[in-house]
Structure formats: C-alpha cells, structure tokens
PDB file of N, CA and C in Angstrom:
ATOM      1  N   MET A   1      75.466 109.315 101.726  1.00  0.00           N
ATOM      2  CA  MET A   1      75.218 107.910 101.479  1.00  0.00           C
ATOM      3  C   MET A   1      74.991 107.234 102.821  1.00  0.00           C
ATOM      4  N   GLU A   2      73.963 106.454 102.878  1.00  0.00           N
ATOM      5  CA  GLU A   2      73.565 105.797 104.104  1.00  0.00           C
ATOM      6  C   GLU A   2      73.869 104.308 104.005  1.00  0.00           C
ATOM      7  N   GLN A   3      74.339 103.730 105.111  1.00  0.00           N
ATOM      8  CA  GLN A   3      74.633 102.302 105.149  1.00  0.00           C
ATOM      9  C   GLN A   3      73.371 101.536 105.528  1.00  0.00           C
ATOM     10  N   ILE A   4      73.055 100.509 104.767  1.00  0.00           N
ATOM     11  CA  ILE A   4      71.967  99.600 105.129  1.00  0.00           C
ATOM     12  C   ILE A   4      72.611  98.425 105.853  1.00  0.00           C
ATOM     13  N   PHE A   5      72.192  98.183 107.091  1.00  0.00           N
ATOM     14  CA  PHE A   5      72.886  97.219 107.926  1.00  0.00           C
ATOM     15  C   PHE A   5      72.378  95.781 107.821  1.00  0.00           C
ATOM     16  N   ALA A   6      71.171  95.571 107.375  1.00  0.00           N
ATOM     17  CA  ALA A   6      70.632  94.221 107.283  1.00  0.00           C
ATOM     18  C   ALA A   6      70.893  93.643 105.889  1.00  0.00           C
ATOM     19  N   LYS A   7      71.527  92.494 105.838  1.00  0.00           N
ATOM     20  CA  LYS A   7      71.852  91.865 104.561  1.00  0.00           C
ATOM     21  C   LYS A   7      70.603  91.637 103.721  1.00  0.00           C
ATOM     22  N   GLU A   8      69.524  91.181 104.338  1.00  0.00           N
ATOM     23  CA  GLU A   8      68.301  90.892 103.607  1.00  0.00           C
ATOM     24  C   GLU A   8      67.739  92.158 102.958  1.00  0.00           C
ATOM     25  N   GLU A   9      67.765  93.270 103.690  1.00  0.00           N
ATOM     26  CA  GLU A   9      67.281  94.539 103.149  1.00  0.00           C
ATOM     27  C   GLU A   9      68.181  95.005 102.002  1.00  0.00           C
ATOM     28  N   ALA A  10      69.486  94.837 102.173  1.00  0.00           N
ATOM     29  CA  ALA A  10      70.433  95.224 101.128  1.00  0.00           C
ATOM     30  C   ALA A  10      70.187  94.410  99.858  1.00  0.00           C
ATOM     31  N   GLU A  11      69.975  93.107 100.005  1.00  0.00           N
ATOM     32  CA  GLU A  11      69.730  92.250  98.843  1.00  0.00           C
ATOM     33  C   GLU A  11      68.442  92.629  98.132  1.00  0.00           C
ATOM     34  N   LYS A  12      67.400  92.888  98.898  1.00  0.00           N
ATOM     35  CA  LYS A  12      66.107  93.269  98.317  1.00  0.00           C
ATOM     36  C   LYS A  12      66.238  94.570  97.520  1.00  0.00           C
ATOM     37  N   THR A  13      66.902  95.536  98.094  1.00  0.00           N
ATOM     38  CA  THR A  13      67.100  96.825  97.429  1.00  0.00           C
ATOM     39  C   THR A  13      67.963  96.664  96.185  1.00  0.00           C
ATOM     40  N   TYR A  14      69.055  95.919  96.302  1.00  0.00           N
ATOM     41  CA  TYR A  14      69.961  95.678  95.176  1.00  0.00           C
ATOM     42  C   TYR A  14      69.211  95.101  93.985  1.00  0.00           C
ATOM     43  N   ARG A  15      68.366  94.099  94.247  1.00  0.00           N
ATOM     44  CA  ARG A  15      67.648  93.410  93.157  1.00  0.00           C
ATOM     45  C   ARG A  15      66.690  94.324  92.405  1.00  0.00           C
ATOM     46  N   VAL A  16      66.301  95.429  93.012  1.00  0.00           N
ATOM     47  CA  VAL A  16      65.412  96.386  92.355  1.00  0.00           C
ATOM     48  C   VAL A  16      66.201  97.514  91.693  1.00  0.00           C
ATOM     49  N   VAL A  17      67.151  98.079  92.436  1.00  0.00           N
ATOM     50  CA  VAL A  17      67.832  99.295  91.984  1.00  0.00           C
ATOM     51  C   VAL A  17      68.846  99.028  90.878  1.00  0.00           C
ATOM     52  N   VAL A  18      69.671  98.020  91.013  1.00  0.00           N
ATOM     53  CA  VAL A  18      70.722  97.765  90.015  1.00  0.00           C
ATOM     54  C   VAL A  18      70.130  97.514  88.626  1.00  0.00           C
ATOM     55  N   PRO A  19      69.133  96.629  88.480  1.00  0.00           N
ATOM     56  CA  PRO A  19      68.566  96.440  87.138  1.00  0.00           C
ATOM     57  C   PRO A  19      67.940  97.719  86.559  1.00  0.00           C
ATOM     58  N   ARG A  20      67.345  98.553  87.406  1.00  0.00           N
ATOM     59  CA  ARG A  20      66.765  99.812  86.913  1.00  0.00           C
ATOM     60  C   ARG A  20      67.846 100.742  86.375  1.00  0.00           C
ATOM     61  N   ILE A  21      68.937 100.873  87.109  1.00  0.00           N
ATOM     62  CA  ILE A  21      70.023 101.743  86.654  1.00  0.00           C
ATOM     63  C   ILE A  21      70.616 101.191  85.366  1.00  0.00           C
ATOM     64  N   LYS A  22      70.836  99.894  85.310  1.00  0.00           N
ATOM     65  CA  LYS A  22      71.401  99.288  84.109  1.00  0.00           C
ATOM     66  C   LYS A  22      70.479  99.484  82.909  1.00  0.00           C
ATOM     67  N   LYS A  23      69.166  99.397  83.119  1.00  0.00           N
ATOM     68  CA  LYS A  23      68.214  99.617  82.035  1.00  0.00           C
ATOM     69  C   LYS A  23      68.319 101.046  81.516  1.00  0.00           C
ATOM     70  N   GLU A  24      68.438 102.005  82.423  1.00  0.00           N
ATOM     71  CA  GLU A  24      68.577 103.404  82.024  1.00  0.00           C
ATOM     72  C   GLU A  24      69.868 103.622  81.238  1.00  0.00           C
ATOM     73  N   LEU A  25      70.965 103.033  81.721  1.00  0.00           N
ATOM     74  CA  LEU A  25      72.246 103.177  81.034  1.00  0.00           C
ATOM     75  C   LEU A  25      72.209 102.541  79.649  1.00  0.00           C
ATOM     76  N   LYS A  26      71.611 101.373  79.555  1.00  0.00           N
ATOM     77  CA  LYS A  26      71.501 100.702  78.256  1.00  0.00           C
ATOM     78  C   LYS A  26      70.596 101.476  77.314  1.00  0.00           C
ATOM     79  N   GLY A  27      69.648 102.225  77.882  1.00  0.00           N
ATOM     80  CA  GLY A  27      68.734 103.026  77.083  1.00  0.00           C
ATOM     81  C   GLY A  27      69.318 104.352  76.634  1.00  0.00           C
ATOM     82  N   GLY A  28      70.555 104.614  77.018  1.00  0.00           N
ATOM     83  CA  GLY A  28      71.221 105.813  76.552  1.00  0.00           C
ATOM     84  C   GLY A  28      71.456 106.889  77.595  1.00  0.00           C
ATOM     85  N   ALA A  29      71.054 106.649  78.837  1.00  0.00           N
ATOM     86  CA  ALA A  29      71.291 107.648  79.887  1.00  0.00           C
ATOM     87  C   ALA A  29      72.792 107.839  80.085  1.00  0.00           C
ATOM     88  N   ASP A  30      73.187 109.064  80.344  1.00  0.00           N
ATOM     89  CA  ASP A  30      74.584 109.404  80.583  1.00  0.00           C
ATOM     90  C   ASP A  30      75.000 108.953  81.982  1.00  0.00           C
ATOM     91  N   TYR A  31      76.164 108.340  82.099  1.00  0.00           N
ATOM     92  CA  TYR A  31      76.660 107.867  83.389  1.00  0.00           C
ATOM     93  C   TYR A  31      76.761 109.006  84.404  1.00  0.00           C
ATOM     94  N   GLY A  32      77.047 110.196  83.947  1.00  0.00           N
ATOM     95  CA  GLY A  32      77.181 111.348  84.832  1.00  0.00           C
ATOM     96  C   GLY A  32      75.862 111.999  85.215  1.00  0.00           C
ATOM     97  N   ASN A  33      74.757 111.512  84.659  1.00  0.00           N
ATOM     98  CA  ASN A  33      73.422 112.024  84.958  1.00  0.00           C
ATOM     99  C   ASN A  33      73.180 112.012  86.467  1.00  0.00           C
ATOM    100  N   GLU A  34      72.567 113.079  86.972  1.00  0.00           N
ATOM    101  CA  GLU A  34      72.341 113.213  88.416  1.00  0.00           C
ATOM    102  C   GLU A  34      71.522 112.056  88.993  1.00  0.00           C
ATOM    103  N   ASP A  35      70.477 111.632  88.293  1.00  0.00           N
ATOM    104  CA  ASP A  35      69.656 110.518  88.778  1.00  0.00           C
ATOM    105  C   ASP A  35      70.450 109.211  88.810  1.00  0.00           C
ATOM    106  N   ILE A  36      71.260 108.989  87.793  1.00  0.00           N
ATOM    107  CA  ILE A  36      72.097 107.781  87.743  1.00  0.00           C
ATOM    108  C   ILE A  36      73.084 107.808  88.907  1.00  0.00           C
ATOM    109  N   GLN A  37      73.717 108.933  89.143  1.00  0.00           N
ATOM    110  CA  GLN A  37      74.696 109.040  90.228  1.00  0.00           C
ATOM    111  C   GLN A  37      74.043 108.871  91.600  1.00  0.00           C
ATOM    112  N   GLU A  38      72.821 109.367  91.761  1.00  0.00           N
ATOM    113  CA  GLU A  38      72.101 109.159  93.020  1.00  0.00           C
ATOM    114  C   GLU A  38      71.806 107.679  93.228  1.00  0.00           C
ATOM    115  N   GLY A  39      71.416 106.999  92.156  1.00  0.00           N
ATOM    116  CA  GLY A  39      71.166 105.562  92.236  1.00  0.00           C
ATOM    117  C   GLY A  39      72.425 104.785  92.575  1.00  0.00           C
ATOM    118  N   ILE A  40      73.530 105.169  91.968  1.00  0.00           N
ATOM    119  CA  ILE A  40      74.801 104.503  92.247  1.00  0.00           C
ATOM    120  C   ILE A  40      75.209 104.743  93.695  1.00  0.00           C
ATOM    121  N   SER A  41      74.979 105.934  94.191  1.00  0.00           N
ATOM    122  CA  SER A  41      75.274 106.242  95.590  1.00  0.00           C
ATOM    123  C   SER A  41      74.425 105.369  96.519  1.00  0.00           C
ATOM    124  N   LEU A  42      73.169 105.172  96.160  1.00  0.00           N
ATOM    125  CA  LEU A  42      72.297 104.292  96.942  1.00  0.00           C
ATOM    126  C   LEU A  42      72.843 102.873  96.940  1.00  0.00           C
ATOM    127  N   VAL A  43      73.229 102.387  95.769  1.00  0.00           N
ATOM    128  CA  VAL A  43      73.785 101.033  95.657  1.00  0.00           C
ATOM    129  C   VAL A  43      75.054 100.915  96.497  1.00  0.00           C
ATOM    130  N   LEU A  44      75.890 101.922  96.448  1.00  0.00           N
ATOM    131  CA  LEU A  44      77.132 101.907  97.219  1.00  0.00           C
ATOM    132  C   LEU A  44      76.848 101.742  98.706  1.00  0.00           C
ATOM    133  N   GLY A  45      75.759 102.338  99.188  1.00  0.00           N
ATOM    134  CA  GLY A  45      75.375 102.223 100.590  1.00  0.00           C
ATOM    135  C   GLY A  45      74.905 100.833 100.987  1.00  0.00           C
ATOM    136  N   LEU A  46      74.690  99.961 100.014  1.00  0.00           N
ATOM    137  CA  LEU A  46      74.273  98.592 100.304  1.00  0.00           C
ATOM    138  C   LEU A  46      75.456  97.722 100.713  1.00  0.00           C
ATOM    139  N   PHE A  47      76.656  98.153 100.346  1.00  0.00           N
ATOM    140  CA  PHE A  47      77.855  97.356 100.583  1.00  0.00           C
ATOM    141  C   PHE A  47      78.448  97.674 101.948  1.00  0.00           C
ATOM    142  N   PRO A  48      78.966  96.663 102.632  1.00  0.00           N
ATOM    143  CA  PRO A  48      79.575  96.896 103.949  1.00  0.00           C
ATOM    144  C   PRO A  48      80.748  97.869 103.851  1.00  0.00           C
ATOM    145  N   PHE A  49      80.948  98.636 104.918  1.00  0.00           N
ATOM    146  CA  PHE A  49      82.080  99.555 104.994  1.00  0.00           C
ATOM    147  C   PHE A  49      83.393  98.785 104.928  1.00  0.00           C
ATOM    148  N   GLY A  50      84.451  99.466 104.569  1.00  0.00           N
ATOM    149  CA  GLY A  50      85.786  98.884 104.591  1.00  0.00           C
ATOM    150  C   GLY A  50      86.201  98.313 103.249  1.00  0.00           C
ATOM    151  N   ALA A  51      86.959  97.231 103.318  1.00  0.00           N
ATOM    152  CA  ALA A  51      87.550  96.632 102.122  1.00  0.00           C
ATOM    153  C   ALA A  51      86.493  96.182 101.110  1.00  0.00           C
ATOM    154  N   LYS A  52      85.369  95.668 101.586  1.00  0.00           N
ATOM    155  CA  LYS A  52      84.345  95.188 100.656  1.00  0.00           C
ATOM    156  C   LYS A  52      83.777  96.341  99.827  1.00  0.00           C
ATOM    157  N   ARG A  53      83.542  97.474 100.461  1.00  0.00           N
ATOM    158  CA  ARG A  53      83.029  98.632  99.725  1.00  0.00           C
ATOM    159  C   ARG A  53      84.095  99.176  98.778  1.00  0.00           C
ATOM    160  N   ARG A  54      85.348  99.214  99.229  1.00  0.00           N
ATOM    161  CA  ARG A  54      86.434  99.687  98.355  1.00  0.00           C
ATOM    162  C   ARG A  54      86.569  98.782  97.140  1.00  0.00           C
ATOM    163  N   ASN A  55      86.482  97.475  97.343  1.00  0.00           N
ATOM    164  CA  ASN A  55      86.554  96.538  96.214  1.00  0.00           C
ATOM    165  C   ASN A  55      85.409  96.779  95.240  1.00  0.00           C
ATOM    166  N   PHE A  56      84.198  96.954  95.761  1.00  0.00           N
ATOM    167  CA  PHE A  56      83.056  97.228  94.890  1.00  0.00           C
ATOM    168  C   PHE A  56      83.307  98.478  94.067  1.00  0.00           C
ATOM    169  N   LYS A  57      83.740  99.548  94.706  1.00  0.00           N
ATOM    170  CA  LYS A  57      83.994 100.802  93.992  1.00  0.00           C
ATOM    171  C   LYS A  57      85.052 100.608  92.913  1.00  0.00           C
ATOM    172  N   ARG A  58      86.108  99.894  93.244  1.00  0.00           N
ATOM    173  CA  ARG A  58      87.199  99.684  92.283  1.00  0.00           C
ATOM    174  C   ARG A  58      86.734  98.865  91.088  1.00  0.00           C
ATOM    175  N   TRP A  59      85.902  97.861  91.334  1.00  0.00           N
ATOM    176  CA  TRP A  59      85.499  96.940  90.273  1.00  0.00           C
ATOM    177  C   TRP A  59      84.301  97.414  89.466  1.00  0.00           C
ATOM    178  N   TYR A  60      83.365  98.149  90.086  1.00  0.00           N
ATOM    179  CA  TYR A  60      82.092  98.409  89.425  1.00  0.00           C
ATOM    180  C   TYR A  60      81.675  99.875  89.308  1.00  0.00           C
ATOM    181  N   VAL A  61      82.403 100.794  89.911  1.00  0.00           N
ATOM    182  CA  VAL A  61      82.013 102.202  89.885  1.00  0.00           C
ATOM    183  C   VAL A  61      83.095 103.006  89.166  1.00  0.00           C
ATOM    184  N   GLY A  62      82.665 103.977  88.388  1.00  0.00           N
ATOM    185  CA  GLY A  62      83.616 104.840  87.715  1.00  0.00           C
ATOM    186  C   GLY A  62      83.375 104.967  86.224  1.00  0.00           C
ATOM    187  N   SER A  63      82.650 103.996  85.674  1.00  0.00           N
ATOM    188  CA  SER A  63      82.317 104.086  84.253  1.00  0.00           C
ATOM    189  C   SER A  63      81.043 103.291  83.987  1.00  0.00           C
ATOM    190  N   LYS A  64      80.441 103.627  82.880  1.00  0.00           N
ATOM    191  CA  LYS A  64      79.225 102.928  82.456  1.00  0.00           C
ATOM    192  C   LYS A  64      79.505 101.440  82.267  1.00  0.00           C
ATOM    193  N   GLU A  65      80.613 101.125  81.624  1.00  0.00           N
ATOM    194  CA  GLU A  65      80.960  99.735  81.338  1.00  0.00           C
ATOM    195  C   GLU A  65      81.152  98.929  82.625  1.00  0.00           C
ATOM    196  N   LYS A  66      81.823  99.528  83.595  1.00  0.00           N
ATOM    197  CA  LYS A  66      82.026  98.835  84.871  1.00  0.00           C
ATOM    198  C   LYS A  66      80.687  98.541  85.534  1.00  0.00           C
ATOM    199  N   PHE A  67      79.818  99.559  85.581  1.00  0.00           N
ATOM    200  CA  PHE A  67      78.529  99.359  86.252  1.00  0.00           C
ATOM    201  C   PHE A  67      77.684  98.321  85.523  1.00  0.00           C
ATOM    202  N   LEU A  68      77.705  98.338  84.206  1.00  0.00           N
ATOM    203  CA  LEU A  68      76.924  97.369  83.441  1.00  0.00           C
ATOM    204  C   LEU A  68      77.415  95.935  83.633  1.00  0.00           C
ATOM    205  N   SER A  69      78.644  95.766  84.098  1.00  0.00           N
ATOM    206  CA  SER A  69      79.156  94.419  84.339  1.00  0.00           C
ATOM    207  C   SER A  69      78.665  93.829  85.664  1.00  0.00           C
ATOM    208  N   LEU A  70      77.966  94.626  86.467  1.00  0.00           N
ATOM    209  CA  LEU A  70      77.398  94.126  87.721  1.00  0.00           C
ATOM    210  C   LEU A  70      76.349  93.058  87.437  1.00  0.00           C
ATOM    211  N   PRO A  71      76.335  91.982  88.210  1.00  0.00           N
ATOM    212  CA  PRO A  71      75.250  91.011  88.049  1.00  0.00           C
ATOM    213  C   PRO A  71      73.952  91.590  88.617  1.00  0.00           C
ATOM    214  N   ASP A  72      72.825  91.181  88.082  1.00  0.00           N
ATOM    215  CA  ASP A  72      71.533  91.637  88.610  1.00  0.00           C
ATOM    216  C   ASP A  72      71.198  90.961  89.938  1.00  0.00           C
ATOM    217  N   ASP A  73      71.817  89.833  90.203  1.00  0.00           N
ATOM    218  CA  ASP A  73      71.577  89.066  91.422  1.00  0.00           C
ATOM    219  C   ASP A  73      72.775  89.221  92.358  1.00  0.00           C
ATOM    220  N   PRO A  74      72.576  89.759  93.568  1.00  0.00           N
ATOM    221  CA  PRO A  74      73.710  89.947  94.474  1.00  0.00           C
ATOM    222  C   PRO A  74      74.364  88.638  94.913  1.00  0.00           C
ATOM    223  N   ASP A  75      73.651  87.524  94.775  1.00  0.00           N
ATOM    224  CA  ASP A  75      74.245  86.231  95.123  1.00  0.00           C
ATOM    225  C   ASP A  75      75.409  85.873  94.195  1.00  0.00           C
ATOM    226  N   LYS A  76      75.489  86.553  93.047  1.00  0.00           N
ATOM    227  CA  LYS A  76      76.563  86.277  92.081  1.00  0.00           C
ATOM    228  C   LYS A  76      77.770  87.193  92.275  1.00  0.00           C
ATOM    229  N   LEU A  77      77.695  88.087  93.265  1.00  0.00           N
ATOM    230  CA  LEU A  77      78.839  88.968  93.564  1.00  0.00           C
ATOM    231  C   LEU A  77      79.893  88.203  94.354  1.00  0.00           C
ATOM    232  N   SER A  78      81.122  88.613  94.202  1.00  0.00           N
ATOM    233  CA  SER A  78      82.225  88.034  94.960  1.00  0.00           C
ATOM    234  C   SER A  78      82.073  88.330  96.446  1.00  0.00           C
ATOM    235  N   ILE A  79      82.466  87.404  97.271  1.00  0.00           N
ATOM    236  CA  ILE A  79      82.465  87.609  98.722  1.00  0.00           C
ATOM    237  C   ILE A  79      83.429  88.747  99.088  1.00  0.00           C
ATOM    238  N   ALA A  80      84.323  89.081  98.185  1.00  0.00           N
ATOM    239  CA  ALA A  80      85.293  90.161  98.432  1.00  0.00           C
ATOM    240  C   ALA A  80      84.631  91.528  98.442  1.00  0.00           C
ATOM    241  N   CYS A  81      83.377  91.615  97.959  1.00  0.00           N
ATOM    242  CA  CYS A  81      82.719  92.924  97.996  1.00  0.00           C
ATOM    243  C   CYS A  81      81.296  92.858  98.554  1.00  0.00           C
ATOM    244  N   TRP A  82      80.755  91.689  98.767  1.00  0.00           N
ATOM    245  CA  TRP A  82      79.392  91.572  99.262  1.00  0.00           C
ATOM    246  C   TRP A  82      79.391  90.912 100.623  1.00  0.00           C
ATOM    247  N   TRP A  83      78.297  90.921 101.260  1.00  0.00           N
ATOM    248  CA  TRP A  83      78.127  90.386 102.613  1.00  0.00           C
ATOM    249  C   TRP A  83      78.680  88.990 102.693  1.00  0.00           C
TER     250      TRP A  83
END
C-alpha cells in the first residue's frame, strides 16, 4: 500500500475509487474478492499515517456494511480520519 501525500490528489482519487467499489459491492460482489480488496487497499493509502488511518480502518474497513457506510465525498469524513 502506497501513501498519497497530496491532499488534493487523495481527494480526487477517493471521489473516483470509493463510489466504484461501493457500486460493485451493492451489485453483489463479495467483500473478500481480490479486486475489491485491492481497491480497499488503494483507498487505505489515501489516508494519512497514524491515528487517522487507524480510525478509518476501525470505522470503515472489515466488512461490506462498514465500507458501504463511507460517504462518496471525502469532505463529509470526520477530521479524525481524513486530512
């Protein structure tokens, strides 16, 4: 997993990748699917290291339901997990 250091780049990527993954999950894709997990790993790399990334993982990673609760717009994420 690679860290994206520019907030603007992270936001741009988030706005594309998260809705795509959510669409696949809503369409019946298995949460454990390799492509879904690769996408989630990419999304995880958008979050800053440390407490913010740990909070994101705790709140939104680990199940289909958790991931689907993510907002499509990163501006709606808590400051506790986003830039």
